[in-house]
Amino acid sequence: MNPPAVDAAPAGTGAARARPATIMIAVASGFVMAMLDVTIVNVALKAMQDSLSLSLTALVWVVDAYTLSFAALLLWGGALANRFGSRTIYQTGLVIFVTASLLCAAASTPTILIAARLLQGVGAALFMPSSLSLLTLAFPPGPLRVRMIGIWGALVSAAMAFGPFVGGVLVNAIGWRGIFWVNLPVGLIGLWLTHRHVARSPRHAGPLNGGGHLFGAAALAALSFTLIQGPSTGWTSPAIVGCALATLCAVAAFVVRERRTRHRILSQALLGNPQFVTGSLLGLAINFAILAEIFLISLYLQQQRGENPLQTGFHLFPLMAMFGAGNLASARVSARLGARGTLLSGLGLATLGAVALIDVAQMPYWILALAIGISNFGAGQAIPAMNLTVMQSAGPADANLAAASLNASRQIGSLLGVAIASVILHSIVDQQLATAMGFAVIAAAYAGGFGLVFKALRPD
């Protein structure tokens, strides 16, 4: 077998002498921008609804259109990074994402906004797997890599934390379109730093398996339509029943193709590794809970407590910051308890906090904030240990695909979390009861992740 083609670092880029912090900022820019966008959009939902006359179903599409294309194409993004090099695909994704953000800012109808959000997801699907693989390849195994992955996760969590506050300020000052303009400077900084300071990465010749990715994308698209449109169109309507059947057919076609093809989307080595499978499923459960929580609490504060976007952003800021605090604590906890202990303690806290929120309607704000803060801290503590578990289960040749698979699982979780939350809001007339049921489902997702880790991962 021929060795993979490796691009040399371009002359004058300074990639070989770049400081760890510079590399960190360069490869985290895309992920930070994508996460910033998630929380900013949630704060701006009511403003968008008033401006463009969006229904609840259309609001869910504004959130989930991005997540749909993001999740559907992440594995393809990992395959492209393997074929053409992580740095090239990372930069391409940044360009697409920034362009789509400008289209979102200029949208004049719900259809244009949703289409631009789909394009944003395409860009994110390209740069997301490359971000983590570039970071992993830049540092050798050991304490430095562990610390850099922890800091990378903290930067992402910081973006999530600042998102509501920045979104509230922008919406209050210049309107909801401003939340998309903020991606322009972040994206340009990421492009420049990556070009100057990140070395070109190895390229591995191999098929892209377009058919498999197409079946996977079709399954997610049909599932999304079923869950999002079901409450308003009717669960027994021909369109919804047809989409549900299409979901099953696409999943079956994907499985059959993966079994029969010589070149699978995921290698047998990864699928046979318990650490990889557990980490990927855990990513789905954690993101399901986190994005459902952000969606529910943003609407709850504005629709049931009557807060404006600025007040909502101000109140969400410290709660989202707890993700970053948990990320930073993760390395110390891991040093004492190992990855399994870190995951169990973090998911335990997340579950307890979410359970407390089931009685959200009767809570004063400070108790609500305490419960969400505990839950978010626990989830934040678990995320770096989850990332490390997955990436250490893959060798250098599978780093891109492992990162893509983990992020695909997380984005599928995000997609399902928001969709299921919307189903609950549609189905239960009493808004307070609907919010309580939403947090019960979130608690169940965290508890499921706890049980998965307890059963599947061996003690360190």
Protein backbone atom coordinates (compact mmCIF):
# COMPACT_ATOMS: atom_id res chain seq x y z
CA MET A 1 0.00 0.00 0.00
CA ASN A 2 1.33 3.41 -0.94
CA PRO A 3 1.82 5.89 1.90
CA PRO A 4 -0.60 8.82 2.02
CA ALA A 5 0.39 11.93 0.16
CA VAL A 6 1.46 14.60 2.60
CA ASP A 7 1.52 18.26 1.70
CA ALA A 8 4.49 20.18 2.94
CA ALA A 9 3.82 23.32 4.91
CA PRO A 10 3.88 26.22 2.47
CA ALA A 11 6.86 28.44 2.60
CA GLY A 12 6.45 31.52 4.66
CA THR A 13 3.36 30.41 6.49
CA GLY A 14 5.12 30.05 9.79
CA ALA A 15 3.21 26.82 10.46
CA ALA A 16 6.26 25.03 11.82
CA ARG A 17 7.03 27.72 14.38
CA ALA A 18 3.48 28.61 15.38
CA ARG A 19 2.74 28.73 19.08
CA PRO A 20 0.16 26.29 20.46
CA ALA A 21 -2.16 29.19 21.31
CA THR A 22 -2.07 30.48 17.72
CA ILE A 23 -2.89 27.04 16.31
CA MET A 24 -5.66 26.72 18.87
CA ILE A 25 -7.30 30.00 17.85
CA ALA A 26 -6.98 29.17 14.15
CA VAL A 27 -8.61 25.73 14.29
CA ALA A 28 -11.19 26.69 16.94
CA SER A 29 -12.50 29.69 14.97
CA GLY A 30 -14.85 27.63 12.83
CA PHE A 31 -16.25 25.63 15.73
CA VAL A 32 -16.60 28.78 17.83
CA MET A 33 -18.47 30.51 15.01
CA ALA A 34 -20.84 27.56 14.59
CA MET A 35 -21.59 27.34 18.33
CA LEU A 36 -21.95 31.11 18.66
CA ASP A 37 -24.54 30.92 15.92
CA VAL A 38 -26.58 28.29 17.76
CA THR A 39 -27.18 30.31 20.92
CA ILE A 40 -27.46 33.67 19.14
CA VAL A 41 -30.23 32.35 16.90
CA ASN A 42 -32.21 31.01 19.85
CA VAL A 43 -32.24 34.42 21.54
CA ALA A 44 -33.38 36.07 18.31
CA LEU A 45 -36.23 33.64 17.57
CA LYS A 46 -39.04 35.87 18.81
CA ALA A 47 -37.65 38.89 16.93
CA MET A 48 -37.48 36.81 13.75
CA GLN A 49 -41.00 35.56 14.36
CA ASP A 50 -42.35 39.11 14.68
CA SER A 51 -40.35 40.42 11.70
CA LEU A 52 -41.08 37.66 9.19
CA SER A 53 -44.40 36.36 10.64
CA LEU A 54 -42.95 32.94 11.39
CA SER A 55 -45.09 30.15 12.81
CA LEU A 56 -43.72 27.83 15.53
CA THR A 57 -43.06 25.24 12.82
CA ALA A 58 -41.10 27.79 10.76
CA LEU A 59 -39.13 28.78 13.88
CA VAL A 60 -38.10 25.17 14.37
CA TRP A 61 -37.00 25.00 10.73
CA VAL A 62 -34.83 28.11 11.24
CA VAL A 63 -33.00 26.23 14.00
CA ASP A 64 -33.07 22.73 12.52
CA ALA A 65 -32.42 23.54 8.83
CA TYR A 66 -28.88 24.42 9.85
CA THR A 67 -28.55 21.34 12.04
CA LEU A 68 -30.01 19.08 9.34
CA SER A 69 -27.49 19.85 6.62
CA PHE A 70 -24.77 20.04 9.24
CA ALA A 71 -25.49 16.55 10.60
CA ALA A 72 -26.26 14.99 7.21
CA LEU A 73 -22.98 16.06 5.61
CA LEU A 74 -20.51 15.80 8.51
CA LEU A 75 -19.28 12.33 7.60
CA TRP A 76 -18.91 13.44 4.01
CA GLY A 77 -16.91 16.40 5.30
CA GLY A 78 -14.63 13.97 7.12
CA ALA A 79 -14.18 11.91 3.94
CA LEU A 80 -13.34 15.04 1.96
CA ALA A 81 -10.80 16.04 4.62
CA ASN A 82 -9.18 12.62 4.26
CA ARG A 83 -9.04 12.97 0.47
CA PHE A 84 -8.00 16.61 0.09
CA GLY A 85 -6.44 17.44 3.44
CA SER A 86 -8.01 18.84 6.59
CA ARG A 87 -6.68 22.37 6.15
CA THR A 88 -8.09 22.79 2.64
CA ILE A 89 -11.54 21.53 3.61
CA TYR A 90 -11.51 23.58 6.83
CA GLN A 91 -10.88 26.79 4.89
CA THR A 92 -13.49 25.90 2.25
CA GLY A 93 -16.07 25.39 4.98
CA LEU A 94 -15.27 28.76 6.51
CA VAL A 95 -15.83 30.53 3.18
CA ILE A 96 -19.20 28.82 2.64
CA PHE A 97 -20.34 29.51 6.19
CA VAL A 98 -19.49 33.21 6.06
CA THR A 99 -21.19 33.59 2.67
CA ALA A 100 -24.33 31.85 3.97
CA SER A 101 -24.32 34.09 7.05
CA LEU A 102 -24.43 37.16 4.84
CA LEU A 103 -27.37 35.63 2.94
CA CYS A 104 -29.17 35.03 6.26
CA ALA A 105 -28.65 38.67 7.19
CA ALA A 106 -30.19 39.78 3.89
CA ALA A 107 -33.14 37.34 3.94
CA SER A 108 -36.52 38.94 3.25
CA THR A 109 -38.75 35.86 3.49
CA PRO A 110 -38.88 32.75 5.70
CA THR A 111 -38.00 30.56 2.71
CA ILE A 112 -34.81 32.50 1.94
CA LEU A 113 -33.78 32.49 5.60
CA ILE A 114 -34.30 28.74 5.94
CA ALA A 115 -32.43 28.06 2.68
CA ALA A 116 -29.50 30.20 3.84
CA ARG A 117 -29.48 28.32 7.14
CA LEU A 118 -29.22 25.07 5.18
CA LEU A 119 -26.18 26.48 3.38
CA GLN A 120 -24.64 27.48 6.71
CA GLY A 121 -24.91 23.85 7.75
CA VAL A 122 -23.03 22.76 4.62
CA GLY A 123 -20.13 25.04 5.53
CA ALA A 124 -20.11 23.86 9.14
CA ALA A 125 -20.14 20.22 8.00
CA LEU A 126 -16.90 20.86 6.12
CA PHE A 127 -14.95 22.72 8.79
CA MET A 128 -16.16 20.92 11.92
CA PRO A 129 -14.42 17.51 11.56
CA SER A 130 -11.31 19.20 10.20
CA SER A 131 -11.15 21.47 13.25
CA LEU A 132 -10.76 18.65 15.77
CA SER A 133 -8.52 16.53 13.55
CA LEU A 134 -6.19 19.48 12.84
CA LEU A 135 -5.94 20.10 16.57
CA THR A 136 -5.29 16.42 17.33
CA LEU A 137 -2.62 16.12 14.62
CA ALA A 138 -0.88 19.34 15.70
CA PHE A 139 0.08 17.99 19.13
CA PRO A 140 1.62 14.64 20.11
CA PRO A 141 -0.20 12.27 22.48
CA GLY A 142 0.24 13.29 26.09
CA PRO A 143 -0.63 16.05 28.56
CA LEU A 144 -0.30 18.87 26.01
CA ARG A 145 -2.85 17.30 23.66
CA VAL A 146 -5.22 16.65 26.56
CA ARG A 147 -4.86 20.27 27.70
CA MET A 148 -5.36 21.65 24.18
CA ILE A 149 -8.51 19.57 23.64
CA GLY A 150 -9.82 20.83 26.98
CA ILE A 151 -9.08 24.45 26.04
CA TRP A 152 -10.62 23.90 22.60
CA GLY A 153 -13.79 22.67 24.26
CA ALA A 154 -13.72 25.61 26.66
CA LEU A 155 -13.46 28.10 23.79
CA VAL A 156 -16.45 26.48 22.14
CA SER A 157 -18.39 26.62 25.40
CA ALA A 158 -17.36 30.24 25.87
CA ALA A 159 -18.85 31.00 22.46
CA MET A 160 -22.07 29.30 23.56
CA ALA A 161 -21.97 31.32 26.78
CA PHE A 162 -21.41 34.69 25.10
CA GLY A 163 -23.87 33.88 22.32
CA PRO A 164 -27.05 34.80 24.24
CA PHE A 165 -25.56 38.02 25.61
CA VAL A 166 -24.08 39.09 22.27
CA GLY A 167 -27.32 38.10 20.53
CA GLY A 168 -29.42 40.05 23.00
CA VAL A 169 -27.29 43.16 22.58
CA LEU A 170 -27.31 42.91 18.77
CA VAL A 171 -31.03 42.24 18.50
CA ASN A 172 -31.81 45.05 20.92
CA ALA A 173 -29.48 47.51 19.15
CA ILE A 174 -29.80 46.77 15.42
CA GLY A 175 -32.28 43.91 15.01
CA TRP A 176 -32.03 40.19 14.44
CA ARG A 177 -30.05 40.51 11.19
CA GLY A 178 -27.04 41.67 13.18
CA ILE A 179 -26.60 38.22 14.70
CA PHE A 180 -25.40 36.92 11.34
CA TRP A 181 -23.04 39.83 10.61
CA VAL A 182 -20.91 38.83 13.61
CA ASN A 183 -19.74 35.73 11.71
CA LEU A 184 -17.88 37.85 9.17
CA PRO A 185 -14.94 38.96 11.38
CA VAL A 186 -14.69 35.59 13.14
CA GLY A 187 -14.58 33.73 9.83
CA LEU A 188 -12.01 36.06 8.28
CA ILE A 189 -9.74 35.78 11.33
CA GLY A 190 -9.98 31.98 11.16
CA LEU A 191 -9.10 31.96 7.44
CA TRP A 192 -6.09 34.23 7.88
CA LEU A 193 -4.65 32.43 10.91
CA THR A 194 -5.13 29.01 9.33
CA HIS A 195 -3.38 30.10 6.14
CA ARG A 196 -0.50 31.65 8.06
CA HIS A 197 0.06 29.24 10.94
CA VAL A 198 -1.48 25.79 10.33
CA ALA A 199 0.53 23.30 8.28
CA ARG A 200 -1.11 21.36 5.48
CA SER A 201 -2.27 17.96 6.66
CA PRO A 202 -1.90 14.42 5.27
CA ARG A 203 -4.13 13.31 2.41
CA HIS A 204 -5.33 9.71 2.19
CA ALA A 205 -6.43 8.40 -1.17
CA GLY A 206 -9.78 6.61 -1.06
CA PRO A 207 -13.38 6.66 -2.31
CA LEU A 208 -15.86 9.23 -1.06
CA ASN A 209 -18.80 6.76 -0.99
CA GLY A 210 -21.29 9.29 -2.30
CA GLY A 211 -24.15 6.78 -2.36
CA GLY A 212 -23.85 5.99 1.33
CA HIS A 213 -23.74 9.66 2.29
CA LEU A 214 -26.78 10.31 0.07
CA PHE A 215 -28.84 7.61 1.81
CA GLY A 216 -27.81 8.96 5.21
CA ALA A 217 -28.73 12.52 4.27
CA ALA A 218 -32.07 11.36 2.84
CA ALA A 219 -32.89 9.52 6.08
CA LEU A 220 -32.18 12.58 8.20
CA ALA A 221 -34.11 14.90 5.88
CA ALA A 222 -37.17 12.63 5.88
CA LEU A 223 -36.99 12.19 9.66
CA SER A 224 -36.70 15.95 10.18
CA PHE A 225 -39.73 16.64 7.98
CA THR A 226 -41.72 13.98 9.84
CA LEU A 227 -40.95 15.35 13.30
CA ILE A 228 -41.13 19.06 12.52
CA GLN A 229 -44.16 19.07 10.22
CA GLY A 230 -46.02 16.24 11.95
CA PRO A 231 -47.68 18.34 14.68
CA SER A 232 -49.01 20.97 12.24
CA THR A 233 -49.69 18.80 9.17
CA GLY A 234 -51.12 15.85 11.10
CA TRP A 235 -49.38 12.61 12.07
CA THR A 236 -51.71 10.53 9.88
CA SER A 237 -51.57 12.78 6.83
CA PRO A 238 -50.22 11.17 3.61
CA ALA A 239 -47.19 13.49 3.56
CA ILE A 240 -46.10 12.61 7.10
CA VAL A 241 -46.78 8.88 6.75
CA GLY A 242 -44.88 8.91 3.45
CA CYS A 243 -41.92 10.69 5.01
CA ALA A 244 -41.87 8.26 7.93
CA LEU A 245 -41.76 5.35 5.48
CA ALA A 246 -39.09 7.13 3.44
CA THR A 247 -37.00 7.45 6.61
CA LEU A 248 -37.16 3.70 7.21
CA CYS A 249 -36.37 2.91 3.56
CA ALA A 250 -33.37 5.28 3.51
CA VAL A 251 -32.00 3.80 6.74
CA ALA A 252 -32.39 0.28 5.35
CA ALA A 253 -30.69 1.26 2.10
CA PHE A 254 -27.83 2.85 4.05
CA VAL A 255 -27.30 -0.30 6.15
CA VAL A 256 -27.43 -2.61 3.12
CA ARG A 257 -24.97 -0.47 1.18
CA GLU A 258 -22.57 -0.29 4.12
CA ARG A 259 -22.61 -4.07 4.47
CA ARG A 260 -22.05 -4.76 0.78
CA THR A 261 -19.62 -2.04 -0.26
CA ARG A 262 -15.88 -2.55 -0.07
CA HIS A 263 -15.33 1.02 1.06
CA ARG A 264 -17.51 1.85 4.03
CA ILE A 265 -18.13 5.31 5.40
CA LEU A 266 -16.88 4.12 8.78
CA SER A 267 -14.14 1.52 9.04
CA GLN A 268 -14.85 -1.82 10.70
CA ALA A 269 -12.11 -1.00 13.18
CA LEU A 270 -14.03 2.04 14.43
CA LEU A 271 -17.41 0.30 14.53
CA GLY A 272 -15.89 -2.60 16.47
CA ASN A 273 -14.32 -0.32 19.08
CA PRO A 274 -16.53 0.00 22.21
CA GLN A 275 -14.94 3.32 23.16
CA PHE A 276 -15.74 4.84 19.78
CA VAL A 277 -19.34 3.58 19.71
CA THR A 278 -20.00 4.63 23.31
CA GLY A 279 -18.49 8.10 22.78
CA SER A 280 -20.53 8.66 19.61
CA LEU A 281 -23.82 7.63 21.23
CA LEU A 282 -22.97 9.75 24.25
CA GLY A 283 -22.42 12.74 21.96
CA LEU A 284 -25.93 12.25 20.58
CA ALA A 285 -27.48 12.13 24.07
CA ILE A 286 -25.58 15.16 25.40
CA ASN A 287 -26.36 17.38 22.42
CA PHE A 288 -29.98 16.25 22.42
CA ALA A 289 -30.26 17.52 25.99
CA ILE A 290 -28.24 20.73 25.53
CA LEU A 291 -29.99 22.01 22.40
CA ALA A 292 -33.44 21.06 23.67
CA GLU A 293 -32.64 22.98 26.87
CA ILE A 294 -31.45 26.10 25.03
CA PHE A 295 -34.50 26.08 22.74
CA LEU A 296 -36.95 25.56 25.61
CA ILE A 297 -35.45 28.02 28.06
CA SER A 298 -35.10 30.77 25.43
CA LEU A 299 -38.78 30.52 24.51
CA TYR A 300 -39.79 30.11 28.16
CA LEU A 301 -38.06 33.30 29.28
CA GLN A 302 -39.49 35.37 26.42
CA GLN A 303 -42.97 33.88 26.04
CA GLN A 304 -43.87 32.89 29.60
CA ARG A 305 -41.80 35.36 31.65
CA GLY A 306 -42.17 38.24 29.18
CA GLU A 307 -38.47 39.05 28.81
CA ASN A 308 -37.07 40.91 25.80
CA PRO A 309 -34.01 39.57 23.89
CA LEU A 310 -31.56 41.69 25.91
CA GLN A 311 -32.95 40.45 29.24
CA THR A 312 -32.98 36.88 27.96
CA GLY A 313 -29.38 37.15 26.78
CA PHE A 314 -28.33 38.65 30.12
CA HIS A 315 -30.00 35.84 32.06
CA LEU A 316 -28.70 33.06 29.80
CA PHE A 317 -25.10 34.27 29.80
CA PRO A 318 -24.01 32.91 33.21
CA LEU A 319 -25.95 29.70 32.61
CA MET A 320 -24.17 29.03 29.31
CA ALA A 321 -20.85 30.00 30.91
CA MET A 322 -21.16 26.95 33.15
CA PHE A 323 -20.39 24.76 30.12
CA GLY A 324 -16.98 26.44 29.91
CA ALA A 325 -16.42 26.11 33.65
CA GLY A 326 -17.14 22.39 33.36
CA ASN A 327 -14.76 22.08 30.40
CA LEU A 328 -11.94 23.70 32.35
CA ALA A 329 -12.58 21.49 35.38
CA SER A 330 -12.61 18.36 33.22
CA ALA A 331 -8.83 17.99 32.92
CA ARG A 332 -8.33 18.09 36.70
CA VAL A 333 -11.15 15.67 37.31
CA SER A 334 -9.79 13.34 34.62
CA ALA A 335 -6.36 13.36 36.26
CA ARG A 336 -7.95 12.00 39.45
CA LEU A 337 -10.88 9.92 38.23
CA GLY A 338 -9.97 9.02 34.65
CA ALA A 339 -12.24 9.46 31.64
CA ARG A 340 -14.95 7.10 32.90
CA GLY A 341 -15.16 8.74 36.32
CA THR A 342 -15.23 12.19 34.73
CA LEU A 343 -18.08 11.17 32.44
CA LEU A 344 -20.10 9.56 35.23
CA SER A 345 -19.75 12.45 37.67
CA GLY A 346 -20.50 15.04 34.97
CA LEU A 347 -23.54 13.22 33.62
CA GLY A 348 -24.78 12.61 37.17
CA LEU A 349 -24.74 16.36 37.86
CA ALA A 350 -26.40 17.09 34.51
CA THR A 351 -29.19 14.61 35.26
CA LEU A 352 -29.84 15.99 38.75
CA GLY A 353 -30.02 19.57 37.47
CA ALA A 354 -32.42 18.63 34.69
CA VAL A 355 -34.67 16.69 37.08
CA ALA A 356 -34.93 19.78 39.30
CA LEU A 357 -36.10 21.81 36.29
CA ILE A 358 -39.21 19.69 35.81
CA ASP A 359 -40.91 22.01 38.34
CA VAL A 360 -39.70 25.10 36.43
CA ALA A 361 -43.05 26.91 36.48
CA GLN A 362 -42.96 27.21 40.29
CA MET A 363 -39.34 28.38 40.54
CA PRO A 364 -38.03 31.86 41.24
CA TYR A 365 -35.29 32.79 38.78
CA TRP A 366 -32.38 32.13 41.18
CA ILE A 367 -33.42 28.51 41.75
CA LEU A 368 -33.95 28.02 38.00
CA ALA A 369 -30.50 29.47 37.35
CA LEU A 370 -28.92 27.21 40.00
CA ALA A 371 -30.50 24.08 38.54
CA ILE A 372 -29.51 24.94 34.96
CA GLY A 373 -26.02 25.95 36.10
CA ILE A 374 -25.46 22.60 37.83
CA SER A 375 -26.76 20.69 34.81
CA ASN A 376 -24.65 22.69 32.34
CA PHE A 377 -21.51 22.39 34.48
CA GLY A 378 -21.92 18.61 34.54
CA ALA A 379 -22.45 18.41 30.78
CA GLY A 380 -19.47 20.71 30.22
CA GLN A 381 -17.29 18.48 32.39
CA ALA A 382 -18.29 15.40 30.40
CA ILE A 383 -17.70 16.82 26.90
CA PRO A 384 -13.85 16.94 26.83
CA ALA A 385 -13.69 13.41 28.30
CA MET A 386 -16.11 12.28 25.60
CA ASN A 387 -14.02 13.94 22.86
CA LEU A 388 -10.83 12.37 24.20
CA THR A 389 -12.45 8.94 24.46
CA VAL A 390 -13.47 9.00 20.81
CA MET A 391 -10.26 10.49 19.41
CA GLN A 392 -8.00 8.10 21.34
CA SER A 393 -10.01 5.17 19.99
CA ALA A 394 -8.94 6.09 16.44
CA GLY A 395 -5.50 5.91 14.90
CA PRO A 396 -4.03 8.72 12.76
CA ALA A 397 -5.55 7.27 9.56
CA ASP A 398 -9.06 7.39 11.06
CA ALA A 399 -8.75 10.71 12.94
CA ASN A 400 -10.78 12.70 10.41
CA LEU A 401 -13.58 10.13 10.20
CA ALA A 402 -13.70 9.63 13.96
CA ALA A 403 -14.02 13.38 14.50
CA ALA A 404 -16.65 13.60 11.76
CA SER A 405 -18.63 10.70 13.23
CA LEU A 406 -18.58 12.18 16.73
CA ASN A 407 -19.76 15.55 15.48
CA ALA A 408 -22.38 13.91 13.24
CA SER A 409 -23.75 12.08 16.26
CA ARG A 410 -23.79 15.32 18.25
CA GLN A 411 -25.58 17.25 15.51
CA ILE A 412 -28.13 14.48 15.01
CA GLY A 413 -28.74 14.78 18.74
CA SER A 414 -29.16 18.55 18.37
CA LEU A 415 -31.58 18.07 15.50
CA LEU A 416 -33.66 15.56 17.44
CA GLY A 417 -33.54 17.59 20.65
CA VAL A 418 -35.06 20.71 19.08
CA ALA A 419 -37.53 18.66 17.00
CA ILE A 420 -38.78 16.66 19.99
CA ALA A 421 -39.02 19.83 22.09
CA SER A 422 -41.19 21.38 19.36
CA VAL A 423 -43.39 18.25 19.24
CA ILE A 424 -43.97 18.60 23.00
CA LEU A 425 -44.78 22.32 22.69
CA HIS A 426 -47.20 21.60 19.85
CA SER A 427 -48.89 18.68 21.57
CA ILE A 428 -49.49 20.12 25.06
CA VAL A 429 -51.71 23.20 25.22
CA ASP A 430 -50.62 24.22 28.72
CA GLN A 431 -47.25 25.91 28.09
CA GLN A 432 -46.03 25.41 31.65
CA LEU A 433 -46.80 21.70 31.52
CA ALA A 434 -45.18 21.44 28.08
CA THR A 435 -41.98 23.07 29.38
CA ALA A 436 -41.95 20.70 32.38
CA MET A 437 -42.34 17.68 30.08
CA GLY A 438 -39.52 19.00 27.92
CA PHE A 439 -37.14 19.08 30.88
CA ALA A 440 -38.25 15.57 31.89
CA VAL A 441 -37.15 14.34 28.45
CA ILE A 442 -33.84 16.22 28.83
CA ALA A 443 -33.24 14.54 32.20
CA ALA A 444 -33.95 11.16 30.60
CA ALA A 445 -31.36 11.84 27.87
CA TYR A 446 -28.65 12.63 30.44
CA ALA A 447 -29.62 9.61 32.54
CA GLY A 448 -29.41 7.42 29.43
CA GLY A 449 -25.90 8.70 28.78
CA PHE A 450 -24.93 7.94 32.37
CA GLY A 451 -26.22 4.37 32.05
CA LEU A 452 -24.40 3.89 28.75
CA VAL A 453 -21.04 4.95 30.22
CA PHE A 454 -21.56 2.89 33.38
CA LYS A 455 -22.29 -0.25 31.37
CA ALA A 456 -20.04 0.08 28.32
CA LEU A 457 -16.80 1.73 29.49
CA ARG A 458 -14.37 -0.16 31.67
CA PRO A 459 -12.85 1.52 34.74
CA ASP A 460 -9.55 3.29 33.92
